[in-house]
PDB file of N, CA and C in Angstrom:
ATOM      1  N   UNK A   1      32.559 201.061  86.072  1.00  0.00           N
ATOM      2  CA  UNK A   1      33.860 200.802  86.721  1.00  0.00           C
ATOM      3  C   UNK A   1      33.422 200.143  88.017  1.00  0.00           C
ATOM      4  N   UNK A   2      34.053 198.940  88.342  1.00  0.00           N
ATOM      5  CA  UNK A   2      33.789 198.293  89.557  1.00  0.00           C
ATOM      6  C   UNK A   2      34.423 199.047  90.764  1.00  0.00           C
ATOM      7  N   UNK A   3      33.851 198.708  91.890  1.00  0.00           N
ATOM      8  CA  UNK A   3      34.470 199.397  93.075  1.00  0.00           C
ATOM      9  C   UNK A   3      35.846 198.857  93.201  1.00  0.00           C
ATOM     10  N   UNK A   4      36.102 197.549  92.897  1.00  0.00           N
ATOM     11  CA  UNK A   4      37.347 196.949  93.076  1.00  0.00           C
ATOM     12  C   UNK A   4      38.576 197.761  92.465  1.00  0.00           C
ATOM     13  N   UNK A   5      38.304 198.232  91.168  1.00  0.00           N
ATOM     14  CA  UNK A   5      39.079 198.949  90.338  1.00  0.00           C
ATOM     15  C   UNK A   5      39.483 200.302  90.816  1.00  0.00           C
ATOM     16  N   UNK A   6      38.583 200.962  91.728  1.00  0.00           N
ATOM     17  CA  UNK A   6      38.811 202.130  92.426  1.00  0.00           C
ATOM     18  C   UNK A   6      39.696 202.227  93.667  1.00  0.00           C
ATOM     19  N   UNK A   7      40.088 200.997  94.055  1.00  0.00           N
ATOM     20  CA  UNK A   7      40.962 201.112  95.179  1.00  0.00           C
ATOM     21  C   UNK A   7      42.365 201.706  94.864  1.00  0.00           C
ATOM     22  N   UNK A   8      42.754 202.351  95.961  1.00  0.00           N
ATOM     23  CA  UNK A   8      44.112 202.902  95.795  1.00  0.00           C
ATOM     24  C   UNK A   8      45.256 201.638  95.868  1.00  0.00           C
ATOM     25  N   UNK A   9      46.401 201.873  95.454  1.00  0.00           N
ATOM     26  CA  UNK A   9      47.439 200.716  95.573  1.00  0.00           C
ATOM     27  C   UNK A   9      47.590 200.266  97.092  1.00  0.00           C
ATOM     28  N   UNK A  10      47.584 201.200  98.051  1.00  0.00           N
ATOM     29  CA  UNK A  10      47.654 200.853  99.301  1.00  0.00           C
ATOM     30  C   UNK A  10      46.444 199.928  99.858  1.00  0.00           C
ATOM     31  N   UNK A  11      45.221 200.385  99.419  1.00  0.00           N
ATOM     32  CA  UNK A  11      43.997 199.704  99.802  1.00  0.00           C
ATOM     33  C   UNK A  11      43.962 198.321  99.137  1.00  0.00           C
ATOM     34  N   UNK A  12      44.416 198.256  97.882  1.00  0.00           N
ATOM     35  CA  UNK A  12      44.497 196.853  97.190  1.00  0.00           C
ATOM     36  C   UNK A  12      45.418 196.008  97.920  1.00  0.00           C
ATOM     37  N   UNK A  13      46.568 196.595  98.260  1.00  0.00           N
ATOM     38  CA  UNK A  13      47.543 195.725  99.042  1.00  0.00           C
ATOM     39  C   UNK A  13      47.025 195.222 100.457  1.00  0.00           C
ATOM     40  N   UNK A  14      46.251 196.097 101.053  1.00  0.00           N
ATOM     41  CA  UNK A  14      45.749 195.692 102.393  1.00  0.00           C
ATOM     42  C   UNK A  14      44.658 194.563 102.152  1.00  0.00           C
ATOM     43  N   UNK A  15      43.925 194.856 101.130  1.00  0.00           N
ATOM     44  CA  UNK A  15      42.820 193.907 100.825  1.00  0.00           C
ATOM     45  C   UNK A  15      43.439 192.551 100.566  1.00  0.00           C
ATOM     46  N   UNK A  16      44.476 192.520  99.797  1.00  0.00           N
ATOM     47  CA  UNK A  16      45.193 191.271  99.365  1.00  0.00           C
ATOM     48  C   UNK A  16      45.688 190.528 100.510  1.00  0.00           C
ATOM     49  N   UNK A  17      46.405 191.348 101.355  1.00  0.00           N
ATOM     50  CA  UNK A  17      46.920 190.793 102.705  1.00  0.00           C
ATOM     51  C   UNK A  17      45.791 190.067 103.505  1.00  0.00           C
ATOM     52  N   UNK A  18      44.747 190.840 103.682  1.00  0.00           N
ATOM     53  CA  UNK A  18      43.677 190.370 104.408  1.00  0.00           C
ATOM     54  C   UNK A  18      43.041 189.097 103.853  1.00  0.00           C
ATOM     55  N   UNK A  19      42.922 189.043 102.615  1.00  0.00           N
ATOM     56  CA  UNK A  19      42.382 187.898 101.928  1.00  0.00           C
ATOM     57  C   UNK A  19      43.316 186.556 102.160  1.00  0.00           C
ATOM     58  N   UNK A  20      44.660 186.890 102.002  1.00  0.00           N
ATOM     59  CA  UNK A  20      45.662 185.802 102.105  1.00  0.00           C
ATOM     60  C   UNK A  20      45.856 185.305 103.523  1.00  0.00           C
ATOM     61  N   UNK A  21      45.532 186.201 104.536  1.00  0.00           N
ATOM     62  CA  UNK A  21      45.807 185.861 105.992  1.00  0.00           C
ATOM     63  C   UNK A  21      44.551 185.533 106.705  1.00  0.00           C
ATOM     64  N   UNK A  22      43.382 185.668 106.134  1.00  0.00           N
ATOM     65  CA  UNK A  22      42.137 185.430 106.763  1.00  0.00           C
ATOM     66  C   UNK A  22      41.977 183.872 106.966  1.00  0.00           C
ATOM     67  N   UNK A  23      41.503 183.469 108.102  1.00  0.00           N
ATOM     68  CA  UNK A  23      41.379 181.979 108.470  1.00  0.00           C
ATOM     69  C   UNK A  23      40.171 181.477 107.676  1.00  0.00           C
ATOM     70  N   UNK A  24      40.437 180.322 107.059  1.00  0.00           N
ATOM     71  CA  UNK A  24      39.280 179.771 106.257  1.00  0.00           C
ATOM     72  C   UNK A  24      38.072 179.455 107.102  1.00  0.00           C
ATOM     73  N   UNK A  25      38.411 179.106 108.417  1.00  0.00           N
ATOM     74  CA  UNK A  25      37.241 178.830 109.358  1.00  0.00           C
ATOM     75  C   UNK A  25      36.846 180.214 110.036  1.00  0.00           C
ATOM     76  N   UNK A  26      35.842 180.782 109.629  1.00  0.00           N
ATOM     77  CA  UNK A  26      35.483 182.159 110.114  1.00  0.00           C
ATOM     78  C   UNK A  26      35.215 182.156 111.569  1.00  0.00           C
ATOM     79  N   UNK A  27      34.904 180.960 112.118  1.00  0.00           N
ATOM     80  CA  UNK A  27      34.611 180.885 113.508  1.00  0.00           C
ATOM     81  C   UNK A  27      35.817 180.782 114.394  1.00  0.00           C
ATOM     82  N   UNK A  28      36.921 180.649 113.874  1.00  0.00           N
ATOM     83  CA  UNK A  28      38.182 180.588 114.535  1.00  0.00           C
ATOM     84  C   UNK A  28      38.342 181.780 115.583  1.00  0.00           C
ATOM     85  N   UNK A  29      38.312 182.963 115.105  1.00  0.00           N
ATOM     86  CA  UNK A  29      38.502 184.147 116.033  1.00  0.00           C
ATOM     87  C   UNK A  29      37.529 184.035 117.195  1.00  0.00           C
ATOM     88  N   UNK A  30      36.332 183.647 117.089  1.00  0.00           N
ATOM     89  CA  UNK A  30      35.449 183.505 118.127  1.00  0.00           C
ATOM     90  C   UNK A  30      36.032 182.424 119.110  1.00  0.00           C
ATOM     91  N   UNK A  31      36.549 181.440 118.679  1.00  0.00           N
ATOM     92  CA  UNK A  31      37.236 180.390 119.523  1.00  0.00           C
ATOM     93  C   UNK A  31      38.257 181.122 120.286  1.00  0.00           C
ATOM     94  N   UNK A  32      39.149 181.758 119.608  1.00  0.00           N
ATOM     95  CA  UNK A  32      40.352 182.361 120.237  1.00  0.00           C
ATOM     96  C   UNK A  32      39.870 183.331 121.396  1.00  0.00           C
ATOM     97  N   UNK A  33      38.954 184.159 121.230  1.00  0.00           N
ATOM     98  CA  UNK A  33      38.350 185.044 122.148  1.00  0.00           C
ATOM     99  C   UNK A  33      37.792 184.382 123.344  1.00  0.00           C
ATOM    100  N   UNK A  34      37.173 183.129 123.085  1.00  0.00           N
ATOM    101  CA  UNK A  34      36.582 182.421 124.178  1.00  0.00           C
ATOM    102  C   UNK A  34      37.740 181.752 125.061  1.00  0.00           C
ATOM    103  N   UNK A  35      38.873 181.443 124.331  1.00  0.00           N
ATOM    104  CA  UNK A  35      39.975 180.835 125.019  1.00  0.00           C
ATOM    105  C   UNK A  35      40.534 181.948 125.962  1.00  0.00           C
ATOM    106  N   UNK A  36      40.510 183.164 125.548  1.00  0.00           N
ATOM    107  CA  UNK A  36      41.180 184.260 126.354  1.00  0.00           C
ATOM    108  C   UNK A  36      40.566 184.197 127.780  1.00  0.00           C
ATOM    109  N   UNK A  37      39.261 184.153 127.925  1.00  0.00           N
ATOM    110  CA  UNK A  37      38.611 184.307 129.212  1.00  0.00           C
ATOM    111  C   UNK A  37      39.069 183.083 130.032  1.00  0.00           C
ATOM    112  N   UNK A  38      39.337 182.001 129.548  1.00  0.00           N
ATOM    113  CA  UNK A  38      39.910 180.848 130.267  1.00  0.00           C
ATOM    114  C   UNK A  38      41.277 181.049 130.633  1.00  0.00           C
ATOM    115  N   UNK A  39      42.078 181.375 129.647  1.00  0.00           N
ATOM    116  CA  UNK A  39      43.495 181.458 129.815  1.00  0.00           C
ATOM    117  C   UNK A  39      43.975 182.657 130.782  1.00  0.00           C
ATOM    118  N   UNK A  40      43.158 183.661 130.745  1.00  0.00           N
ATOM    119  CA  UNK A  40      43.654 184.828 131.630  1.00  0.00           C
ATOM    120  C   UNK A  40      43.308 184.400 133.108  1.00  0.00           C
ATOM    121  N   UNK A  41      42.473 183.575 133.337  1.00  0.00           N
ATOM    122  CA  UNK A  41      42.300 183.196 134.805  1.00  0.00           C
ATOM    123  C   UNK A  41      43.365 182.276 135.136  1.00  0.00           C
ATOM    124  N   UNK A  42      43.785 181.339 134.301  1.00  0.00           N
ATOM    125  CA  UNK A  42      45.091 180.575 134.470  1.00  0.00           C
ATOM    126  C   UNK A  42      46.320 181.463 134.747  1.00  0.00           C
ATOM    127  N   UNK A  43      46.610 182.394 133.840  1.00  0.00           N
ATOM    128  CA  UNK A  43      47.757 183.239 134.019  1.00  0.00           C
ATOM    129  C   UNK A  43      47.562 183.937 135.214  1.00  0.00           C
ATOM    130  N   UNK A  44      46.543 184.590 135.713  1.00  0.00           N
ATOM    131  CA  UNK A  44      46.313 185.201 136.991  1.00  0.00           C
ATOM    132  C   UNK A  44      46.773 184.293 138.159  1.00  0.00           C
ATOM    133  N   UNK A  45      46.206 183.033 138.112  1.00  0.00           N
ATOM    134  CA  UNK A  45      46.570 182.139 139.187  1.00  0.00           C
ATOM    135  C   UNK A  45      47.925 181.769 139.309  1.00  0.00           C
ATOM    136  N   UNK A  46      48.738 181.971 138.080  1.00  0.00           N
ATOM    137  CA  UNK A  46      50.107 181.664 138.095  1.00  0.00           C
ATOM    138  C   UNK A  46      50.963 182.867 138.254  1.00  0.00           C
ATOM    139  N   UNK A  47      50.286 184.053 138.503  1.00  0.00           N
ATOM    140  CA  UNK A  47      51.079 185.227 138.748  1.00  0.00           C
ATOM    141  C   UNK A  47      51.434 186.126 137.518  1.00  0.00           C
ATOM    142  N   UNK A  48      50.691 185.911 136.413  1.00  0.00           N
ATOM    143  CA  UNK A  48      51.020 186.797 135.252  1.00  0.00           C
ATOM    144  C   UNK A  48      49.808 187.565 134.802  1.00  0.00           C
ATOM    145  N   UNK A  49      50.055 188.673 134.115  1.00  0.00           N
ATOM    146  CA  UNK A  49      49.079 189.350 133.375  1.00  0.00           C
ATOM    147  C   UNK A  49      49.082 188.866 131.923  1.00  0.00           C
ATOM    148  N   UNK A  50      47.893 188.712 131.290  1.00  0.00           N
ATOM    149  CA  UNK A  50      47.849 188.145 129.937  1.00  0.00           C
ATOM    150  C   UNK A  50      47.259 189.187 129.061  1.00  0.00           C
ATOM    151  N   UNK A  51      47.759 189.377 127.857  1.00  0.00           N
ATOM    152  CA  UNK A  51      47.260 190.380 127.021  1.00  0.00           C
ATOM    153  C   UNK A  51      47.195 189.810 125.570  1.00  0.00           C
ATOM    154  N   UNK A  52      46.292 190.289 124.847  1.00  0.00           N
ATOM    155  CA  UNK A  52      46.134 189.908 123.411  1.00  0.00           C
ATOM    156  C   UNK A  52      46.750 190.835 122.464  1.00  0.00           C
ATOM    157  N   UNK A  53      47.645 190.512 121.564  1.00  0.00           N
ATOM    158  CA  UNK A  53      48.081 191.314 120.535  1.00  0.00           C
ATOM    159  C   UNK A  53      47.941 190.662 119.120  1.00  0.00           C
ATOM    160  N   UNK A  54      48.079 191.494 118.198  1.00  0.00           N
ATOM    161  CA  UNK A  54      47.855 190.888 116.797  1.00  0.00           C
ATOM    162  C   UNK A  54      46.429 190.963 116.345  1.00  0.00           C
ATOM    163  N   UNK A  55      46.007 190.435 115.274  1.00  0.00           N
ATOM    164  CA  UNK A  55      44.870 190.515 114.630  1.00  0.00           C
ATOM    165  C   UNK A  55      43.814 189.594 114.968  1.00  0.00           C
ATOM    166  N   UNK A  56      44.130 188.401 115.708  1.00  0.00           N
ATOM    167  CA  UNK A  56      43.262 187.337 115.967  1.00  0.00           C
ATOM    168  C   UNK A  56      42.635 186.761 114.720  1.00  0.00           C
ATOM    169  N   UNK A  57      43.291 186.835 113.550  1.00  0.00           N
ATOM    170  CA  UNK A  57      42.656 186.325 112.337  1.00  0.00           C
ATOM    171  C   UNK A  57      43.307 184.961 111.975  1.00  0.00           C
ATOM    172  N   UNK A  58      44.663 184.872 111.801  1.00  0.00           N
ATOM    173  CA  UNK A  58      45.412 183.671 111.400  1.00  0.00           C
ATOM    174  C   UNK A  58      45.624 182.817 112.553  1.00  0.00           C
ATOM    175  N   UNK A  59      45.996 183.466 113.702  1.00  0.00           N
ATOM    176  CA  UNK A  59      46.319 182.705 114.957  1.00  0.00           C
ATOM    177  C   UNK A  59      46.026 183.640 116.060  1.00  0.00           C
ATOM    178  N   UNK A  60      46.202 183.199 117.371  1.00  0.00           N
ATOM    179  CA  UNK A  60      45.993 183.942 118.504  1.00  0.00           C
ATOM    180  C   UNK A  60      47.217 184.231 119.163  1.00  0.00           C
ATOM    181  N   UNK A  61      47.668 185.471 119.104  1.00  0.00           N
ATOM    182  CA  UNK A  61      48.819 186.114 119.745  1.00  0.00           C
ATOM    183  C   UNK A  61      48.636 186.494 121.139  1.00  0.00           C
ATOM    184  N   UNK A  62      49.335 185.946 122.084  1.00  0.00           N
ATOM    185  CA  UNK A  62      49.285 186.567 123.476  1.00  0.00           C
ATOM    186  C   UNK A  62      50.607 186.859 123.979  1.00  0.00           C
ATOM    187  N   UNK A  63      50.681 187.614 124.984  1.00  0.00           N
ATOM    188  CA  UNK A  63      51.855 188.078 125.692  1.00  0.00           C
ATOM    189  C   UNK A  63      51.493 187.868 127.256  1.00  0.00           C
ATOM    190  N   UNK A  64      52.365 187.208 127.914  1.00  0.00           N
ATOM    191  CA  UNK A  64      52.224 186.902 129.421  1.00  0.00           C
ATOM    192  C   UNK A  64      53.320 187.738 130.136  1.00  0.00           C
ATOM    193  N   UNK A  65      53.113 188.570 131.131  1.00  0.00           N
ATOM    194  CA  UNK A  65      53.925 189.450 131.830  1.00  0.00           C
ATOM    195  C   UNK A  65      53.968 189.030 133.290  1.00  0.00           C
ATOM    196  N   UNK A  66      55.066 188.594 133.932  1.00  0.00           N
ATOM    197  CA  UNK A  66      55.151 188.208 135.400  1.00  0.00           C
ATOM    198  C   UNK A  66      54.477 189.489 136.086  1.00  0.00           C
ATOM    199  N   UNK A  67      53.670 189.229 136.976  1.00  0.00           N
ATOM    200  CA  UNK A  67      52.940 190.318 137.681  1.00  0.00           C
ATOM    201  C   UNK A  67      53.199 190.321 139.152  1.00  0.00           C
ATOM    202  N   UNK A  68      53.765 189.251 139.745  1.00  0.00           N
ATOM    203  CA  UNK A  68      53.973 189.090 141.184  1.00  0.00           C
ATOM    204  C   UNK A  68      55.360 188.883 141.396  1.00  0.00           C
ATOM    205  N   UNK A  69      55.784 188.819 142.739  1.00  0.00           N
ATOM    206  CA  UNK A  69      56.998 188.573 143.175  1.00  0.00           C
ATOM    207  C   UNK A  69      57.575 187.224 142.685  1.00  0.00           C
ATOM    208  N   UNK A  70      56.883 186.096 142.863  1.00  0.00           N
ATOM    209  CA  UNK A  70      57.316 184.878 142.583  1.00  0.00           C
ATOM    210  C   UNK A  70      56.278 183.990 141.810  1.00  0.00           C
ATOM    211  N   UNK A  71      56.117 184.382 140.492  1.00  0.00           N
ATOM    212  CA  UNK A  71      55.157 183.626 139.752  1.00  0.00           C
ATOM    213  C   UNK A  71      55.702 182.276 139.335  1.00  0.00           C
ATOM    214  N   UNK A  72      54.776 181.421 138.817  1.00  0.00           N
ATOM    215  CA  UNK A  72      55.159 180.143 138.306  1.00  0.00           C
ATOM    216  C   UNK A  72      56.204 180.339 137.210  1.00  0.00           C
ATOM    217  N   UNK A  73      56.806 179.176 136.871  1.00  0.00           N
ATOM    218  CA  UNK A  73      57.839 179.349 135.752  1.00  0.00           C
ATOM    219  C   UNK A  73      56.982 179.370 134.421  1.00  0.00           C
ATOM    220  N   UNK A  74      57.592 179.868 133.289  1.00  0.00           N
ATOM    221  CA  UNK A  74      56.935 179.880 132.057  1.00  0.00           C
ATOM    222  C   UNK A  74      56.520 178.457 131.685  1.00  0.00           C
ATOM    223  N   UNK A  75      57.301 177.340 131.836  1.00  0.00           N
ATOM    224  CA  UNK A  75      56.991 176.071 131.472  1.00  0.00           C
ATOM    225  C   UNK A  75      55.700 175.550 132.326  1.00  0.00           C
ATOM    226  N   UNK A  76      55.555 175.951 133.453  1.00  0.00           N
ATOM    227  CA  UNK A  76      54.362 175.545 134.221  1.00  0.00           C
ATOM    228  C   UNK A  76      53.150 176.264 133.609  1.00  0.00           C
ATOM    229  N   UNK A  77      53.238 177.563 133.186  1.00  0.00           N
ATOM    230  CA  UNK A  77      52.265 178.363 132.744  1.00  0.00           C
ATOM    231  C   UNK A  77      51.713 177.598 131.379  1.00  0.00           C
ATOM    232  N   UNK A  78      52.684 177.412 130.535  1.00  0.00           N
ATOM    233  CA  UNK A  78      52.363 176.788 129.122  1.00  0.00           C
ATOM    234  C   UNK A  78      51.699 175.400 129.240  1.00  0.00           C
ATOM    235  N   UNK A  79      52.277 174.616 130.232  1.00  0.00           N
ATOM    236  CA  UNK A  79      51.605 173.317 130.384  1.00  0.00           C
ATOM    237  C   UNK A  79      50.199 173.427 130.826  1.00  0.00           C
ATOM    238  N   UNK A  80      49.944 174.445 131.827  1.00  0.00           N
ATOM    239  CA  UNK A  80      48.530 174.681 132.349  1.00  0.00           C
ATOM    240  C   UNK A  80      47.622 175.130 131.109  1.00  0.00           C
ATOM    241  N   UNK A  81      48.081 176.024 130.355  1.00  0.00           N
ATOM    242  CA  UNK A  81      47.343 176.399 129.095  1.00  0.00           C
ATOM    243  C   UNK A  81      47.007 175.169 128.277  1.00  0.00           C
ATOM    244  N   UNK A  82      48.087 174.487 127.922  1.00  0.00           N
ATOM    245  CA  UNK A  82      48.018 173.345 127.055  1.00  0.00           C
ATOM    246  C   UNK A  82      46.983 172.212 127.526  1.00  0.00           C
ATOM    247  N   UNK A  83      47.028 171.997 128.775  1.00  0.00           N
ATOM    248  CA  UNK A  83      46.022 170.900 129.372  1.00  0.00           C
ATOM    249  C   UNK A  83      44.633 171.569 129.379  1.00  0.00           C
ATOM    250  N   UNK A  84      44.539 172.732 129.601  1.00  0.00           N
ATOM    251  CA  UNK A  84      43.077 173.524 129.657  1.00  0.00           C
ATOM    252  C   UNK A  84      42.429 173.348 128.282  1.00  0.00           C
ATOM    253  N   UNK A  85      43.090 173.638 127.285  1.00  0.00           N
ATOM    254  CA  UNK A  85      42.608 173.739 125.994  1.00  0.00           C
ATOM    255  C   UNK A  85      42.651 172.393 125.185  1.00  0.00           C
ATOM    256  N   UNK A  86      43.331 171.427 125.731  1.00  0.00           N
ATOM    257  CA  UNK A  86      43.401 170.164 124.960  1.00  0.00           C
ATOM    258  C   UNK A  86      44.367 170.324 123.831  1.00  0.00           C
ATOM    259  N   UNK A  87      45.323 171.135 123.974  1.00  0.00           N
ATOM    260  CA  UNK A  87      46.253 171.329 122.814  1.00  0.00           C
ATOM    261  C   UNK A  87      47.573 170.647 122.946  1.00  0.00           C
ATOM    262  N   UNK A  88      48.399 170.841 121.995  1.00  0.00           N
ATOM    263  CA  UNK A  88      49.682 170.298 121.957  1.00  0.00           C
ATOM    264  C   UNK A  88      50.854 171.411 121.666  1.00  0.00           C
ATOM    265  N   UNK A  89      51.870 171.282 122.358  1.00  0.00           N
ATOM    266  CA  UNK A  89      52.970 172.263 122.135  1.00  0.00           C
ATOM    267  C   UNK A  89      53.722 171.978 120.794  1.00  0.00           C
ATOM    268  N   UNK A  90      54.024 172.813 120.057  1.00  0.00           N
ATOM    269  CA  UNK A  90      54.580 172.680 118.643  1.00  0.00           C
ATOM    270  C   UNK A  90      55.925 173.292 118.798  1.00  0.00           C
ATOM    271  N   UNK A  91      56.952 172.284 118.608  1.00  0.00           N
ATOM    272  CA  UNK A  91      58.357 172.865 118.483  1.00  0.00           C
ATOM    273  C   UNK A  91      58.840 173.181 119.852  1.00  0.00           C
ATOM    274  N   UNK A  92      59.979 173.809 119.845  1.00  0.00           N
ATOM    275  CA  UNK A  92      60.682 174.227 121.192  1.00  0.00           C
ATOM    276  C   UNK A  92      60.501 175.694 121.281  1.00  0.00           C
ATOM    277  N   UNK A  93      60.527 176.135 122.534  1.00  0.00           N
ATOM    278  CA  UNK A  93      60.474 177.639 122.858  1.00  0.00           C
ATOM    279  C   UNK A  93      61.488 178.343 122.065  1.00  0.00           C
ATOM    280  N   UNK A  94      61.264 179.462 121.672  1.00  0.00           N
ATOM    281  CA  UNK A  94      62.158 180.369 120.903  1.00  0.00           C
ATOM    282  C   UNK A  94      62.486 181.605 121.614  1.00  0.00           C
ATOM    283  N   UNK A  95      63.791 181.975 121.861  1.00  0.00           N
ATOM    284  CA  UNK A  95      64.249 183.075 122.460  1.00  0.00           C
ATOM    285  C   UNK A  95      63.933 184.320 121.587  1.00  0.00           C
ATOM    286  N   UNK A  96      63.271 185.279 122.161  1.00  0.00           N
ATOM    287  CA  UNK A  96      62.946 186.568 121.374  1.00  0.00           C
ATOM    288  C   UNK A  96      63.536 187.849 122.086  1.00  0.00           C
ATOM    289  N   UNK A  97      63.647 188.908 121.310  1.00  0.00           N
ATOM    290  CA  UNK A  97      64.173 190.178 121.935  1.00  0.00           C
ATOM    291  C   UNK A  97      63.594 190.432 123.348  1.00  0.00           C
ATOM    292  N   UNK A  98      64.397 191.007 124.137  1.00  0.00           N
ATOM    293  CA  UNK A  98      64.078 191.653 125.427  1.00  0.00           C
ATOM    294  C   UNK A  98      63.597 190.568 126.483  1.00  0.00           C
ATOM    295  N   UNK A  99      64.316 189.372 126.245  1.00  0.00           N
ATOM    296  CA  UNK A  99      64.079 188.212 127.144  1.00  0.00           C
ATOM    297  C   UNK A  99      62.773 187.521 127.105  1.00  0.00           C
ATOM    298  N   UNK A 100      62.180 187.707 125.965  1.00  0.00           N
ATOM    299  CA  UNK A 100      60.814 187.096 125.662  1.00  0.00           C
ATOM    300  C   UNK A 100      61.048 185.650 125.217  1.00  0.00           C
ATOM    301  N   UNK A 101      60.325 184.656 125.682  1.00  0.00           N
ATOM    302  CA  UNK A 101      60.256 183.231 125.153  1.00  0.00           C
ATOM    303  C   UNK A 101      59.093 183.096 124.350  1.00  0.00           C
ATOM    304  N   UNK A 102      59.104 182.542 123.267  1.00  0.00           N
ATOM    305  CA  UNK A 102      57.887 182.300 122.374  1.00  0.00           C
ATOM    306  C   UNK A 102      57.520 180.825 122.245  1.00  0.00           C
ATOM    307  N   UNK A 103      56.326 180.447 122.638  1.00  0.00           N
ATOM    308  CA  UNK A 103      55.742 179.120 122.528  1.00  0.00           C
ATOM    309  C   UNK A 103      54.669 179.076 121.567  1.00  0.00           C
ATOM    310  N   UNK A 104      54.378 177.903 120.997  1.00  0.00           N
ATOM    311  CA  UNK A 104      53.324 177.717 120.071  1.00  0.00           C
ATOM    312  C   UNK A 104      52.521 176.588 120.575  1.00  0.00           C
ATOM    313  N   UNK A 105      51.253 176.808 120.691  1.00  0.00           N
ATOM    314  CA  UNK A 105      50.267 175.718 121.102  1.00  0.00           C
ATOM    315  C   UNK A 105      49.272 175.484 119.922  1.00  0.00           C
ATOM    316  N   UNK A 106      49.099 174.268 119.508  1.00  0.00           N
ATOM    317  CA  UNK A 106      48.084 174.028 118.609  1.00  0.00           C
ATOM    318  C   UNK A 106      46.893 173.516 119.346  1.00  0.00           C
ATOM    319  N   UNK A 107      45.634 174.011 118.964  1.00  0.00           N
ATOM    320  CA  UNK A 107      44.436 173.606 119.635  1.00  0.00           C
ATOM    321  C   UNK A 107      43.889 172.345 118.946  1.00  0.00           C
ATOM    322  N   UNK A 108      43.015 171.687 119.645  1.00  0.00           N
ATOM    323  CA  UNK A 108      42.351 170.530 119.167  1.00  0.00           C
ATOM    324  C   UNK A 108      41.468 170.805 117.880  1.00  0.00           C
ATOM    325  N   UNK A 109      41.002 172.094 118.016  1.00  0.00           N
ATOM    326  CA  UNK A 109      40.118 172.550 116.833  1.00  0.00           C
ATOM    327  C   UNK A 109      40.816 172.868 115.479  1.00  0.00           C
ATOM    328  N   UNK A 110      42.205 173.009 115.534  1.00  0.00           N
ATOM    329  CA  UNK A 110      42.902 173.333 114.310  1.00  0.00           C
ATOM    330  C   UNK A 110      43.566 174.653 114.436  1.00  0.00           C
ATOM    331  N   UNK A 111      43.321 175.515 115.405  1.00  0.00           N
ATOM    332  CA  UNK A 111      43.918 176.823 115.508  1.00  0.00           C
ATOM    333  C   UNK A 111      45.204 176.751 116.195  1.00  0.00           C
ATOM    334  N   UNK A 112      45.949 177.950 116.286  1.00  0.00           N
ATOM    335  CA  UNK A 112      47.294 177.965 116.895  1.00  0.00           C
ATOM    336  C   UNK A 112      47.282 179.307 117.797  1.00  0.00           C
ATOM    337  N   UNK A 113      47.993 179.180 118.841  1.00  0.00           N
ATOM    338  CA  UNK A 113      48.254 180.119 119.765  1.00  0.00           C
ATOM    339  C   UNK A 113      49.755 180.500 119.848  1.00  0.00           C
ATOM    340  N   UNK A 114      50.246 181.631 119.628  1.00  0.00           N
ATOM    341  CA  UNK A 114      51.506 182.076 119.779  1.00  0.00           C
ATOM    342  C   UNK A 114      51.643 182.826 121.056  1.00  0.00           C
ATOM    343  N   UNK A 115      52.415 182.332 122.098  1.00  0.00           N
ATOM    344  CA  UNK A 115      52.412 183.016 123.345  1.00  0.00           C
ATOM    345  C   UNK A 115      53.911 183.416 123.730  1.00  0.00           C
ATOM    346  N   UNK A 116      53.964 184.790 123.908  1.00  0.00           N
ATOM    347  CA  UNK A 116      55.320 185.153 124.366  1.00  0.00           C
ATOM    348  C   UNK A 116      55.140 185.458 125.832  1.00  0.00           C
ATOM    349  N   UNK A 117      56.290 185.026 126.553  1.00  0.00           N
ATOM    350  CA  UNK A 117      56.265 185.102 127.968  1.00  0.00           C
ATOM    351  C   UNK A 117      57.553 185.858 128.324  1.00  0.00           C
ATOM    352  N   UNK A 118      57.419 186.983 129.090  1.00  0.00           N
ATOM    353  CA  UNK A 118      58.546 187.783 129.508  1.00  0.00           C
ATOM    354  C   UNK A 118      59.407 186.929 130.536  1.00  0.00           C
ATOM    355  N   UNK A 119      60.718 187.076 130.571  1.00  0.00           N
ATOM    356  CA  UNK A 119      61.473 186.316 131.365  1.00  0.00           C
ATOM    357  C   UNK A 119      61.374 186.763 132.807  1.00  0.00           C
ATOM    358  N   UNK A 120      61.591 185.852 133.763  1.00  0.00           N
ATOM    359  CA  UNK A 120      61.585 186.241 135.081  1.00  0.00           C
ATOM    360  C   UNK A 120      62.853 186.768 135.554  1.00  0.00           C
ATOM    361  N   UNK A 121      62.828 187.970 136.137  1.00  0.00           N
ATOM    362  CA  UNK A 121      63.996 188.609 136.785  1.00  0.00           C
ATOM    363  C   UNK A 121      64.177 188.131 138.287  1.00  0.00           C
ATOM    364  N   UNK A 122      65.485 187.980 138.626  1.00  0.00           N
ATOM    365  CA  UNK A 122      65.641 187.711 140.034  1.00  0.00           C
ATOM    366  C   UNK A 122      65.968 188.958 140.875  1.00  0.00           C
TER     367      UNK A 122
END
């Protein structure tokens, strides 16, 4: 009996999900993590804390949280990210729960970053 057939239904489902959602370019997660070091410095200089969330498998999910009294606007932050990585903004920002705006940036190398930015409070 093969090891494959010994998987529980939950394990089989998890394995199928991972197979379907794994990036074909196995180096892409390394690129995403490299981007983080660059983007966190930009976020800090704009008055935001930057955190990674998600699996970093299919795309790169980030959340930016305003951290100082008068940070740059989300549009300024996104444009600085885009310029630094040589990417392009895909679509329009999308309003999410709790005042978060979601942006997508396609990188020149074929990957994608989904960035949620918490709204600025007055």
